[in-house]
Amino acid sequence: MALTEKQKRFADYYIETGNATEAAGLAGYSERTAYSIGGENLRKPEIKNYIDERLKQLDAERIADATEVLKYLTEVIRGESETEEVFAGPAGVETVMKKPNERERLKAAELLGKRYGLYTDKVRLGGNVAVQIMDDMEGDNAADE
């Protein structure tokens, strides 16, 4: 079942405020019924699903995924990214766009190299290994007798 426009507004305001009563009021429900309608709306599966989906979308928009991180590191390595630096000087505040320096590019390369397993530490193991074999068959036979 599709949500009504009022239910969508309620859900969106609930995500924004975290308060069901306030969200119901902002969505257009009467002040007198806002408390009960707010709680009732949160128990409706279709509204709850809509809220959960919207929260997932918002998280996806706010949080960088692996692909985005890898693209950014690649831009830094290639010197394609820029950062804004602000300087205060005799002429006032000046803003300059700056490309990554060698140290920043090297760090990005290191992080990408780790991601792709380009650097492996070789560990040499040596020494004697003792193995003890225990015959528990004898114990089983004793129990059978």
Protein backbone atom coordinates (compact mmCIF):
# COMPACT_ATOMS: atom_id res chain seq x y z
CA MET A 1 0.00 0.00 0.00
CA ALA A 2 1.36 3.41 -0.97
CA LEU A 3 1.72 6.13 1.64
CA THR A 4 -0.48 9.19 1.56
CA GLU A 5 1.23 12.54 1.17
CA LYS A 6 0.49 13.31 4.83
CA GLN A 7 2.08 10.01 5.93
CA LYS A 8 5.19 10.77 3.87
CA ARG A 9 5.43 14.22 5.44
CA PHE A 10 5.04 12.63 8.87
CA ALA A 11 7.84 10.14 8.14
CA ASP A 12 10.16 12.83 6.76
CA TYR A 13 9.52 15.13 9.74
CA TYR A 14 10.02 12.18 12.10
CA ILE A 15 13.44 11.51 10.53
CA GLU A 16 14.29 15.18 10.93
CA THR A 17 13.04 15.66 14.51
CA GLY A 18 13.07 12.18 16.06
CA ASN A 19 9.78 13.07 17.80
CA ALA A 20 6.56 11.39 16.61
CA THR A 21 4.20 13.96 18.18
CA GLU A 22 6.08 16.90 16.71
CA ALA A 23 6.31 15.17 13.32
CA ALA A 24 2.55 14.54 13.31
CA GLY A 25 1.86 18.21 14.07
CA LEU A 26 4.25 19.42 11.37
CA ALA A 27 2.73 16.98 8.87
CA GLY A 28 -0.70 18.51 9.35
CA TYR A 29 -2.41 16.25 11.88
CA SER A 30 -4.45 18.11 14.52
CA GLU A 31 -2.74 19.14 17.74
CA ARG A 32 -5.33 17.19 19.72
CA THR A 33 -4.53 13.88 18.00
CA ALA A 34 -0.84 14.40 17.18
CA TYR A 35 0.38 12.28 20.11
CA SER A 36 -1.77 9.24 19.36
CA ILE A 37 -1.43 9.52 15.56
CA GLY A 38 2.37 9.82 15.89
CA GLY A 39 2.63 6.57 17.83
CA GLU A 40 0.11 4.85 15.57
CA ASN A 41 1.98 5.89 12.43
CA LEU A 42 5.25 4.48 13.78
CA ARG A 43 3.57 1.09 14.22
CA LYS A 44 2.33 0.94 10.61
CA PRO A 45 4.66 -1.36 8.64
CA GLU A 46 4.52 0.69 5.43
CA ILE A 47 5.50 3.90 7.25
CA LYS A 48 8.21 2.10 9.24
CA ASN A 49 9.61 0.62 6.00
CA TYR A 50 9.59 4.06 4.35
CA ILE A 51 11.47 5.54 7.32
CA ASP A 52 14.02 2.71 7.29
CA GLU A 53 14.62 3.10 3.55
CA ARG A 54 15.02 6.88 3.81
CA LEU A 55 17.51 6.46 6.67
CA LYS A 56 19.53 4.02 4.54
CA GLN A 57 19.51 6.53 1.67
CA LEU A 58 20.64 9.36 3.93
CA ASP A 59 23.46 7.23 5.34
CA ALA A 60 24.57 6.29 1.83
CA GLU A 61 24.68 9.97 0.87
CA ARG A 62 26.65 10.96 3.98
CA ILE A 63 29.11 8.07 4.20
CA ALA A 64 31.70 7.40 1.52
CA ASP A 65 31.67 3.89 0.15
CA ALA A 66 34.77 1.93 -0.89
CA THR A 67 34.53 3.01 -4.54
CA GLU A 68 34.39 6.69 -3.59
CA VAL A 69 37.43 6.34 -1.33
CA LEU A 70 39.41 4.54 -4.03
CA LYS A 71 38.48 7.19 -6.63
CA TYR A 72 39.57 9.98 -4.28
CA LEU A 73 42.91 8.32 -3.50
CA THR A 74 43.48 7.87 -7.23
CA GLU A 75 42.76 11.58 -7.83
CA VAL A 76 45.28 12.50 -5.13
CA ILE A 77 47.96 10.25 -6.61
CA ARG A 78 47.43 11.75 -10.05
CA GLY A 79 47.42 15.30 -8.68
CA GLU A 80 43.87 15.90 -9.90
CA SER A 81 42.36 16.88 -6.55
CA GLU A 82 42.57 20.35 -5.04
CA THR A 83 42.23 21.75 -1.55
CA GLU A 84 41.46 25.27 -0.54
CA GLU A 85 44.02 26.99 1.65
CA VAL A 86 43.42 30.31 3.34
CA PHE A 87 46.29 32.71 4.08
CA ALA A 88 46.22 35.89 6.11
CA GLY A 89 48.65 38.43 4.77
CA PRO A 90 49.24 42.16 4.61
CA ALA A 91 46.72 42.47 1.78
CA GLY A 92 44.07 40.61 3.79
CA VAL A 93 42.75 37.09 3.62
CA GLU A 94 43.64 35.21 0.47
CA THR A 95 42.31 31.86 -0.71
CA VAL A 96 44.45 29.62 -2.91
CA MET A 97 43.59 26.31 -4.53
CA LYS A 98 46.40 23.82 -3.95
CA LYS A 99 47.19 20.50 -5.62
CA PRO A 100 48.48 17.63 -3.44
CA ASN A 101 52.18 17.72 -2.65
CA GLU A 102 54.58 14.79 -2.96
CA ARG A 103 54.02 13.60 0.62
CA GLU A 104 50.23 13.58 0.20
CA ARG A 105 50.50 11.73 -3.11
CA LEU A 106 52.86 9.17 -1.58
CA LYS A 107 50.47 8.56 1.33
CA ALA A 108 47.58 8.02 -1.10
CA ALA A 109 49.73 5.61 -3.11
CA GLU A 110 50.62 3.72 0.06
CA LEU A 111 46.95 3.39 1.03
CA LEU A 112 45.98 2.18 -2.43
CA GLY A 113 48.92 -0.21 -2.48
CA LYS A 114 47.78 -1.71 0.81
CA ARG A 115 44.27 -2.09 -0.56
CA TYR A 116 45.51 -4.01 -3.57
CA GLY A 117 48.04 -6.09 -1.61
CA LEU A 118 51.09 -4.65 -3.35
CA TYR A 119 53.13 -4.71 -0.17
CA THR A 120 53.56 -8.03 1.57
CA ASP A 121 55.71 -8.69 4.57
CA LYS A 122 57.62 -11.93 4.27
CA VAL A 123 57.97 -13.77 7.53
CA ARG A 124 60.49 -16.58 7.86
CA LEU A 125 59.64 -19.21 10.36
CA GLY A 126 62.25 -21.60 11.63
CA GLY A 127 62.86 -23.90 14.52
CA ASN A 128 61.88 -27.30 15.72
CA VAL A 129 58.29 -28.32 16.03
CA ALA A 130 57.44 -31.07 18.47
CA VAL A 131 54.47 -33.30 17.77
CA GLN A 132 52.95 -35.54 20.39
CA ILE A 133 50.60 -38.29 19.26
CA MET A 134 48.33 -39.70 21.89
CA ASP A 135 46.61 -43.00 21.42
CA ASP A 136 43.22 -42.72 23.02
CA MET A 137 42.11 -45.99 21.51
CA GLU A 138 43.52 -47.78 24.52
CA GLY A 139 41.20 -45.77 26.78
CA ASP A 140 38.19 -46.75 24.64
CA ASN A 141 39.03 -50.45 24.92
CA ALA A 142 39.33 -50.20 28.66
CA ALA A 143 35.83 -48.73 28.83
CA ASP A 144 34.43 -51.57 26.69
CA GLU A 145 35.79 -54.29 28.99
